[in-house]
PDB file of all heavy atoms in Angstrom:
ATOM      1  N   SER A   1     -19.747  -1.605   2.997  1.00  0.00           N
ATOM      2  CA  SER A   1     -20.599  -0.497   2.588  1.00  0.00           C
ATOM      3  C   SER A   1     -21.781  -1.029   1.806  1.00  0.00           C
ATOM      4  O   SER A   1     -21.674  -2.015   1.078  1.00  0.00           O
ATOM      5  CB  SER A   1     -19.804   0.495   1.732  1.00  0.00           C
ATOM      6  OG  SER A   1     -20.649   1.463   1.154  1.00  0.00           O
ATOM      7  N   ARG A   2     -22.908  -0.342   1.927  1.00  0.00           N
ATOM      8  CA  ARG A   2     -24.089  -0.714   1.142  1.00  0.00           C
ATOM      9  C   ARG A   2     -23.859  -0.459  -0.343  1.00  0.00           C
ATOM     10  O   ARG A   2     -24.540  -1.042  -1.186  1.00  0.00           O
ATOM     11  CB  ARG A   2     -25.296   0.090   1.608  1.00  0.00           C
ATOM     12  CG  ARG A   2     -25.765  -0.256   3.013  1.00  0.00           C
ATOM     13  CD  ARG A   2     -27.025   0.521   3.370  1.00  0.00           C
ATOM     14  NE  ARG A   2     -28.110   0.203   2.465  1.00  0.00           N
ATOM     15  CZ  ARG A   2     -29.290   0.816   2.476  1.00  0.00           C
ATOM     16  NH1 ARG A   2     -29.511   1.803   3.341  1.00  0.00           N
ATOM     17  NH2 ARG A   2     -30.238   0.472   1.637  1.00  0.00           N
ATOM     18  N   ALA A   3     -22.926   0.430  -0.658  1.00  0.00           N
ATOM     19  CA  ALA A   3     -22.634   0.702  -2.061  1.00  0.00           C
ATOM     20  C   ALA A   3     -22.064  -0.519  -2.770  1.00  0.00           C
ATOM     21  O   ALA A   3     -22.227  -0.676  -3.977  1.00  0.00           O
ATOM     22  CB  ALA A   3     -21.664   1.883  -2.178  1.00  0.00           C
ATOM     23  N   SER A   4     -21.381  -1.383  -2.009  1.00  0.00           N
ATOM     24  CA  SER A   4     -20.796  -2.587  -2.590  1.00  0.00           C
ATOM     25  C   SER A   4     -20.832  -3.699  -1.554  1.00  0.00           C
ATOM     26  O   SER A   4     -19.859  -3.881  -0.801  1.00  0.00           O
ATOM     27  CB  SER A   4     -19.360  -2.309  -3.051  1.00  0.00           C
ATOM     28  OG  SER A   4     -18.807  -3.439  -3.689  1.00  0.00           O
ATOM     29  N   PRO A   5     -21.928  -4.451  -1.482  1.00  0.00           N
ATOM     30  CA  PRO A   5     -22.080  -5.470  -0.438  1.00  0.00           C
ATOM     31  C   PRO A   5     -21.040  -6.572  -0.482  1.00  0.00           C
ATOM     32  O   PRO A   5     -20.826  -7.251   0.518  1.00  0.00           O
ATOM     33  CB  PRO A   5     -23.486  -6.032  -0.708  1.00  0.00           C
ATOM     34  CG  PRO A   5     -24.197  -4.971  -1.480  1.00  0.00           C
ATOM     35  CD  PRO A   5     -23.144  -4.311  -2.303  1.00  0.00           C
ATOM     36  N   ASN A   6     -20.374  -6.771  -1.615  1.00  0.00           N
ATOM     37  CA  ASN A   6     -19.369  -7.826  -1.700  1.00  0.00           C
ATOM     38  C   ASN A   6     -18.059  -7.462  -1.002  1.00  0.00           C
ATOM     39  O   ASN A   6     -17.245  -8.334  -0.720  1.00  0.00           O
ATOM     40  CB  ASN A   6     -19.079  -8.157  -3.167  1.00  0.00           C
ATOM     41  CG  ASN A   6     -20.239  -8.895  -3.810  1.00  0.00           C
ATOM     42  OD1 ASN A   6     -21.039  -9.506  -3.122  1.00  0.00           O
ATOM     43  ND2 ASN A   6     -20.325  -8.813  -5.117  1.00  0.00           N
ATOM     44  N   LYS A   7     -17.833  -6.185  -0.761  1.00  0.00           N
ATOM     45  CA  LYS A   7     -16.593  -5.752  -0.124  1.00  0.00           C
ATOM     46  C   LYS A   7     -16.733  -5.833   1.394  1.00  0.00           C
ATOM     47  O   LYS A   7     -17.795  -5.551   1.954  1.00  0.00           O
ATOM     48  CB  LYS A   7     -16.241  -4.331  -0.556  1.00  0.00           C
ATOM     49  CG  LYS A   7     -15.887  -4.237  -2.042  1.00  0.00           C
ATOM     50  CD  LYS A   7     -15.541  -2.822  -2.431  1.00  0.00           C
ATOM     51  CE  LYS A   7     -15.092  -2.768  -3.885  1.00  0.00           C
ATOM     52  NZ  LYS A   7     -16.126  -3.218  -4.828  1.00  0.00           N
ATOM     53  N   THR A   8     -15.635  -6.199   2.042  1.00  0.00           N
ATOM     54  CA  THR A   8     -15.678  -6.407   3.486  1.00  0.00           C
ATOM     55  C   THR A   8     -14.632  -5.551   4.187  1.00  0.00           C
ATOM     56  O   THR A   8     -13.653  -5.097   3.577  1.00  0.00           O
ATOM     57  CB  THR A   8     -15.419  -7.886   3.830  1.00  0.00           C
ATOM     58  OG1 THR A   8     -14.089  -8.235   3.402  1.00  0.00           O
ATOM     59  CG2 THR A   8     -16.435  -8.787   3.149  1.00  0.00           C
ATOM     60  N   LEU A   9     -14.855  -5.350   5.469  1.00  0.00           N
ATOM     61  CA  LEU A   9     -13.908  -4.593   6.278  1.00  0.00           C
ATOM     62  C   LEU A   9     -12.570  -5.320   6.371  1.00  0.00           C
ATOM     63  O   LEU A   9     -11.506  -4.697   6.359  1.00  0.00           O
ATOM     64  CB  LEU A   9     -14.498  -4.374   7.678  1.00  0.00           C
ATOM     65  CG  LEU A   9     -13.654  -3.564   8.661  1.00  0.00           C
ATOM     66  CD1 LEU A   9     -13.392  -2.163   8.127  1.00  0.00           C
ATOM     67  CD2 LEU A   9     -14.339  -3.510  10.028  1.00  0.00           C
ATOM     68  N   GLU A  10     -12.617  -6.649   6.462  1.00  0.00           N
ATOM     69  CA  GLU A  10     -11.379  -7.429   6.528  1.00  0.00           C
ATOM     70  C   GLU A  10     -10.552  -7.254   5.248  1.00  0.00           C
ATOM     71  O   GLU A  10      -9.324  -7.129   5.293  1.00  0.00           O
ATOM     72  CB  GLU A  10     -11.692  -8.898   6.745  1.00  0.00           C
ATOM     73  CG  GLU A  10     -12.279  -9.218   8.113  1.00  0.00           C
ATOM     74  CD  GLU A  10     -13.772  -8.928   8.210  1.00  0.00           C
ATOM     75  OE1 GLU A  10     -14.372  -8.530   7.181  1.00  0.00           O
ATOM     76  OE2 GLU A  10     -14.341  -9.089   9.306  1.00  0.00           O
ATOM     77  N   GLY A  11     -11.245  -7.235   4.103  1.00  0.00           N
ATOM     78  CA  GLY A  11     -10.541  -7.012   2.846  1.00  0.00           C
ATOM     79  C   GLY A  11      -9.926  -5.629   2.778  1.00  0.00           C
ATOM     80  O   GLY A  11      -8.801  -5.454   2.284  1.00  0.00           O
ATOM     81  N   LEU A  12     -10.650  -4.615   3.284  1.00  0.00           N
ATOM     82  CA  LEU A  12     -10.124  -3.255   3.293  1.00  0.00           C
ATOM     83  C   LEU A  12      -8.860  -3.153   4.144  1.00  0.00           C
ATOM     84  O   LEU A  12      -7.840  -2.606   3.707  1.00  0.00           O
ATOM     85  CB  LEU A  12     -11.192  -2.298   3.823  1.00  0.00           C
ATOM     86  CG  LEU A  12     -10.757  -0.851   4.039  1.00  0.00           C
ATOM     87  CD1 LEU A  12     -10.463  -0.182   2.705  1.00  0.00           C
ATOM     88  CD2 LEU A  12     -11.819  -0.077   4.818  1.00  0.00           C
ATOM     89  N   LEU A  13      -8.904  -3.705   5.359  1.00  0.00           N
ATOM     90  CA  LEU A  13      -7.751  -3.630   6.250  1.00  0.00           C
ATOM     91  C   LEU A  13      -6.573  -4.434   5.700  1.00  0.00           C
ATOM     92  O   LEU A  13      -5.418  -3.993   5.748  1.00  0.00           O
ATOM     93  CB  LEU A  13      -8.131  -4.129   7.642  1.00  0.00           C
ATOM     94  CG  LEU A  13      -9.180  -3.282   8.383  1.00  0.00           C
ATOM     95  CD1 LEU A  13      -9.545  -3.921   9.714  1.00  0.00           C
ATOM     96  CD2 LEU A  13      -8.676  -1.861   8.579  1.00  0.00           C
ATOM     97  N   GLY A  14      -6.865  -5.619   5.171  1.00  0.00           N
ATOM     98  CA  GLY A  14      -5.792  -6.430   4.594  1.00  0.00           C
ATOM     99  C   GLY A  14      -5.147  -5.748   3.406  1.00  0.00           C
ATOM    100  O   GLY A  14      -3.917  -5.754   3.261  1.00  0.00           O
ATOM    101  N   GLY A  15      -5.963  -5.130   2.555  1.00  0.00           N
ATOM    102  CA  GLY A  15      -5.416  -4.418   1.408  1.00  0.00           C
ATOM    103  C   GLY A  15      -4.557  -3.236   1.819  1.00  0.00           C
ATOM    104  O   GLY A  15      -3.514  -2.964   1.214  1.00  0.00           O
ATOM    105  N   ALA A  16      -4.990  -2.533   2.869  1.00  0.00           N
ATOM    106  CA  ALA A  16      -4.217  -1.387   3.354  1.00  0.00           C
ATOM    107  C   ALA A  16      -2.855  -1.830   3.893  1.00  0.00           C
ATOM    108  O   ALA A  16      -1.825  -1.196   3.632  1.00  0.00           O
ATOM    109  CB  ALA A  16      -5.003  -0.639   4.423  1.00  0.00           C
ATOM    110  N   ILE A  17      -2.850  -2.930   4.642  1.00  0.00           N
ATOM    111  CA  ILE A  17      -1.589  -3.416   5.206  1.00  0.00           C
ATOM    112  C   ILE A  17      -0.624  -3.838   4.102  1.00  0.00           C
ATOM    113  O   ILE A  17       0.568  -3.495   4.131  1.00  0.00           O
ATOM    114  CB  ILE A  17      -1.860  -4.590   6.170  1.00  0.00           C
ATOM    115  CG1 ILE A  17      -2.634  -4.093   7.393  1.00  0.00           C
ATOM    116  CG2 ILE A  17      -0.559  -5.267   6.581  1.00  0.00           C
ATOM    117  CD1 ILE A  17      -3.106  -5.203   8.311  1.00  0.00           C
ATOM    118  N   VAL A  18      -1.124  -4.550   3.114  1.00  0.00           N
ATOM    119  CA  VAL A  18      -0.258  -4.988   2.011  1.00  0.00           C
ATOM    120  C   VAL A  18       0.249  -3.787   1.222  1.00  0.00           C
ATOM    121  O   VAL A  18       1.422  -3.742   0.805  1.00  0.00           O
ATOM    122  CB  VAL A  18      -1.019  -5.969   1.103  1.00  0.00           C
ATOM    123  CG1 VAL A  18      -0.209  -6.272  -0.157  1.00  0.00           C
ATOM    124  CG2 VAL A  18      -1.344  -7.251   1.850  1.00  0.00           C
ATOM    125  N   THR A  19      -0.598  -2.789   1.015  1.00  0.00           N
ATOM    126  CA  THR A  19      -0.177  -1.600   0.260  1.00  0.00           C
ATOM    127  C   THR A  19       0.952  -0.865   0.975  1.00  0.00           C
ATOM    128  O   THR A  19       1.948  -0.464   0.359  1.00  0.00           O
ATOM    129  CB  THR A  19      -1.375  -0.653   0.061  1.00  0.00           C
ATOM    130  OG1 THR A  19      -2.445  -1.358  -0.586  1.00  0.00           O
ATOM    131  CG2 THR A  19      -0.990   0.536  -0.789  1.00  0.00           C
ATOM    132  N   VAL A  20       0.811  -0.687   2.281  1.00  0.00           N
ATOM    133  CA  VAL A  20       1.869  -0.033   3.051  1.00  0.00           C
ATOM    134  C   VAL A  20       3.137  -0.880   3.026  1.00  0.00           C
ATOM    135  O   VAL A  20       4.263  -0.340   2.947  1.00  0.00           O
ATOM    136  CB  VAL A  20       1.400   0.235   4.492  1.00  0.00           C
ATOM    137  CG1 VAL A  20       2.551   0.758   5.349  1.00  0.00           C
ATOM    138  CG2 VAL A  20       0.248   1.226   4.492  1.00  0.00           C
ATOM    139  N   ALA A  21       2.978  -2.197   3.079  1.00  0.00           N
ATOM    140  CA  ALA A  21       4.151  -3.073   3.015  1.00  0.00           C
ATOM    141  C   ALA A  21       4.884  -2.907   1.689  1.00  0.00           C
ATOM    142  O   ALA A  21       6.125  -2.885   1.650  1.00  0.00           O
ATOM    143  CB  ALA A  21       3.726  -4.527   3.221  1.00  0.00           C
ATOM    144  N   VAL A  22       4.133  -2.771   0.602  1.00  0.00           N
ATOM    145  CA  VAL A  22       4.773  -2.538  -0.702  1.00  0.00           C
ATOM    146  C   VAL A  22       5.498  -1.198  -0.699  1.00  0.00           C
ATOM    147  O   VAL A  22       6.604  -1.068  -1.244  1.00  0.00           O
ATOM    148  CB  VAL A  22       3.726  -2.595  -1.826  1.00  0.00           C
ATOM    149  CG1 VAL A  22       4.336  -2.168  -3.155  1.00  0.00           C
ATOM    150  CG2 VAL A  22       3.147  -4.003  -1.941  1.00  0.00           C
ATOM    151  N   GLY A  23       4.893  -0.191  -0.062  1.00  0.00           N
ATOM    152  CA  GLY A  23       5.566   1.101   0.043  1.00  0.00           C
ATOM    153  C   GLY A  23       6.860   1.014   0.834  1.00  0.00           C
ATOM    154  O   GLY A  23       7.855   1.671   0.487  1.00  0.00           O
ATOM    155  N   VAL A  24       6.877   0.224   1.900  1.00  0.00           N
ATOM    156  CA  VAL A  24       8.104   0.023   2.681  1.00  0.00           C
ATOM    157  C   VAL A  24       9.178  -0.624   1.824  1.00  0.00           C
ATOM    158  O   VAL A  24      10.355  -0.213   1.845  1.00  0.00           O
ATOM    159  CB  VAL A  24       7.805  -0.828   3.931  1.00  0.00           C
ATOM    160  CG1 VAL A  24       9.098  -1.239   4.628  1.00  0.00           C
ATOM    161  CG2 VAL A  24       6.895  -0.060   4.892  1.00  0.00           C
ATOM    162  N   VAL A  25       8.791  -1.630   1.050  1.00  0.00           N
ATOM    163  CA  VAL A  25       9.758  -2.299   0.175  1.00  0.00           C
ATOM    164  C   VAL A  25      10.299  -1.320  -0.860  1.00  0.00           C
ATOM    165  O   VAL A  25      11.509  -1.290  -1.157  1.00  0.00           O
ATOM    166  CB  VAL A  25       9.104  -3.519  -0.502  1.00  0.00           C
ATOM    167  CG1 VAL A  25      10.056  -4.121  -1.552  1.00  0.00           C
ATOM    168  CG2 VAL A  25       8.709  -4.558   0.529  1.00  0.00           C
ATOM    169  N   MET A  26       9.438  -0.492  -1.421  1.00  0.00           N
ATOM    170  CA  MET A  26       9.891   0.512  -2.387  1.00  0.00           C
ATOM    171  C   MET A  26      10.923   1.447  -1.757  1.00  0.00           C
ATOM    172  O   MET A  26      11.938   1.801  -2.370  1.00  0.00           O
ATOM    173  CB  MET A  26       8.689   1.310  -2.906  1.00  0.00           C
ATOM    174  CG  MET A  26       7.778   0.520  -3.832  1.00  0.00           C
ATOM    175  SD  MET A  26       6.202   1.357  -4.201  1.00  0.00           S
ATOM    176  CE  MET A  26       6.776   2.960  -4.711  1.00  0.00           C
ATOM    177  N   GLY A  27      10.639   1.870  -0.518  1.00  0.00           N
ATOM    178  CA  GLY A  27      11.581   2.751   0.165  1.00  0.00           C
ATOM    179  C   GLY A  27      12.901   2.080   0.449  1.00  0.00           C
ATOM    180  O   GLY A  27      13.970   2.709   0.375  1.00  0.00           O
ATOM    181  N   LEU A  28      12.877   0.790   0.782  1.00  0.00           N
ATOM    182  CA  LEU A  28      14.113   0.065   1.100  1.00  0.00           C
ATOM    183  C   LEU A  28      14.977  -0.171  -0.128  1.00  0.00           C
ATOM    184  O   LEU A  28      16.208  -0.062  -0.063  1.00  0.00           O
ATOM    185  CB  LEU A  28      13.772  -1.268   1.775  1.00  0.00           C
ATOM    186  CG  LEU A  28      13.154  -1.167   3.183  1.00  0.00           C
ATOM    187  CD1 LEU A  28      12.758  -2.549   3.683  1.00  0.00           C
ATOM    188  CD2 LEU A  28      14.145  -0.508   4.161  1.00  0.00           C
ATOM    189  N   VAL A  29      14.353  -0.493  -1.243  1.00  0.00           N
ATOM    190  CA  VAL A  29      15.134  -0.793  -2.446  1.00  0.00           C
ATOM    191  C   VAL A  29      15.447   0.463  -3.250  1.00  0.00           C
ATOM    192  O   VAL A  29      16.241   0.426  -4.192  1.00  0.00           O
ATOM    193  CB  VAL A  29      14.395  -1.809  -3.341  1.00  0.00           C
ATOM    194  CG1 VAL A  29      14.170  -3.105  -2.595  1.00  0.00           C
ATOM    195  CG2 VAL A  29      13.081  -1.232  -3.859  1.00  0.00           C
ATOM    196  N   GLY A  30      14.800   1.599  -2.908  1.00  0.00           N
ATOM    197  CA  GLY A  30      15.078   2.850  -3.602  1.00  0.00           C
ATOM    198  C   GLY A  30      14.538   2.928  -5.004  1.00  0.00           C
ATOM    199  O   GLY A  30      15.101   3.602  -5.862  1.00  0.00           O
ATOM    200  N   MET A  31      13.440   2.262  -5.264  1.00  0.00           N
ATOM    201  CA  MET A  31      12.797   2.276  -6.578  1.00  0.00           C
ATOM    202  C   MET A  31      11.281   2.308  -6.393  1.00  0.00           C
ATOM    203  O   MET A  31      10.765   1.768  -5.419  1.00  0.00           O
ATOM    204  CB  MET A  31      13.181   1.033  -7.392  1.00  0.00           C
ATOM    205  CG  MET A  31      14.659   0.965  -7.773  1.00  0.00           C
ATOM    206  SD  MET A  31      15.034  -0.536  -8.714  1.00  0.00           S
ATOM    207  CE  MET A  31      13.987  -0.316 -10.142  1.00  0.00           C
ATOM    208  N   PRO A  32      10.561   2.901  -7.303  1.00  0.00           N
ATOM    209  CA  PRO A  32      11.036   3.652  -8.473  1.00  0.00           C
ATOM    210  C   PRO A  32      11.300   5.119  -8.133  1.00  0.00           C
ATOM    211  O   PRO A  32      10.798   5.637  -7.142  1.00  0.00           O
ATOM    212  CB  PRO A  32       9.864   3.535  -9.445  1.00  0.00           C
ATOM    213  CG  PRO A  32       8.667   3.490  -8.554  1.00  0.00           C
ATOM    214  CD  PRO A  32       9.092   2.734  -7.322  1.00  0.00           C
ATOM    215  N   ALA A  33      12.108   5.765  -8.937  1.00  0.00           N
ATOM    216  CA  ALA A  33      12.361   7.198  -8.781  1.00  0.00           C
ATOM    217  C   ALA A  33      11.137   7.959  -9.327  1.00  0.00           C
ATOM    218  O   ALA A  33      10.444   7.461 -10.221  1.00  0.00           O
ATOM    219  CB  ALA A  33      13.618   7.580  -9.557  1.00  0.00           C
ATOM    220  N   PRO A  34      10.829   9.130  -8.813  1.00  0.00           N
ATOM    221  CA  PRO A  34      11.587   9.892  -7.818  1.00  0.00           C
ATOM    222  C   PRO A  34      11.104   9.671  -6.388  1.00  0.00           C
ATOM    223  O   PRO A  34      11.603  10.299  -5.471  1.00  0.00           O
ATOM    224  CB  PRO A  34      11.287  11.336  -8.248  1.00  0.00           C
ATOM    225  CG  PRO A  34       9.878  11.281  -8.738  1.00  0.00           C
ATOM    226  CD  PRO A  34       9.734   9.935  -9.405  1.00  0.00           C
ATOM    227  N   ILE A  35      10.121   8.776  -6.216  1.00  0.00           N
ATOM    228  CA  ILE A  35       9.554   8.578  -4.882  1.00  0.00           C
ATOM    229  C   ILE A  35      10.579   7.979  -3.928  1.00  0.00           C
ATOM    230  O   ILE A  35      10.636   8.345  -2.749  1.00  0.00           O
ATOM    231  CB  ILE A  35       8.309   7.673  -4.976  1.00  0.00           C
ATOM    232  CG1 ILE A  35       7.141   8.455  -5.583  1.00  0.00           C
ATOM    233  CG2 ILE A  35       7.918   7.115  -3.617  1.00  0.00           C
ATOM    234  CD1 ILE A  35       6.646   9.599  -4.726  1.00  0.00           C
ATOM    235  N   ALA A  36      11.386   7.045  -4.388  1.00  0.00           N
ATOM    236  CA  ALA A  36      12.173   6.226  -3.455  1.00  0.00           C
ATOM    237  C   ALA A  36      13.671   6.278  -3.684  1.00  0.00           C
ATOM    238  O   ALA A  36      14.381   5.366  -3.272  1.00  0.00           O
ATOM    239  CB  ALA A  36      11.696   4.776  -3.553  1.00  0.00           C
ATOM    240  N   ASP A  37      14.199   7.331  -4.327  1.00  0.00           N
ATOM    241  CA  ASP A  37      15.630   7.311  -4.613  1.00  0.00           C
ATOM    242  C   ASP A  37      16.385   8.527  -4.089  1.00  0.00           C
ATOM    243  O   ASP A  37      17.555   8.715  -4.409  1.00  0.00           O
ATOM    244  CB  ASP A  37      15.867   7.215  -6.125  1.00  0.00           C
ATOM    245  CG  ASP A  37      15.426   8.485  -6.846  1.00  0.00           C
ATOM    246  OD1 ASP A  37      14.604   9.233  -6.264  1.00  0.00           O
ATOM    247  OD2 ASP A  37      15.900   8.732  -7.964  1.00  0.00           O
ATOM    248  N   GLY A  38      15.750   9.352  -3.257  1.00  0.00           N
ATOM    249  CA  GLY A  38      16.427  10.534  -2.746  1.00  0.00           C
ATOM    250  C   GLY A  38      16.487  10.522  -1.232  1.00  0.00           C
ATOM    251  O   GLY A  38      16.020   9.578  -0.568  1.00  0.00           O
ATOM    252  N   PRO A  39      17.092  11.584  -0.634  1.00  0.00           N
ATOM    253  CA  PRO A  39      17.148  11.674   0.827  1.00  0.00           C
ATOM    254  C   PRO A  39      15.748  11.690   1.436  1.00  0.00           C
ATOM    255  O   PRO A  39      14.862  12.404   0.981  1.00  0.00           O
ATOM    256  CB  PRO A  39      17.867  13.019   1.048  1.00  0.00           C
ATOM    257  CG  PRO A  39      18.625  13.267  -0.209  1.00  0.00           C
ATOM    258  CD  PRO A  39      17.790  12.681  -1.301  1.00  0.00           C
ATOM    259  N   GLY A  40      15.570  10.889   2.454  1.00  0.00           N
ATOM    260  CA  GLY A  40      14.259  10.798   3.091  1.00  0.00           C
ATOM    261  C   GLY A  40      13.211  10.107   2.266  1.00  0.00           C
ATOM    262  O   GLY A  40      12.018  10.163   2.576  1.00  0.00           O
TER     263      GLY A  40
END
């Protein structure tokens, strides 16, 4: 974006993938509550 020339599309996509991966790990380990410790 012109708003921040130092940021790149590759960084955005990589950050999104890692963030979702952290969410998957949270869901698998069931922490922290209340996001990851109940049914579904």
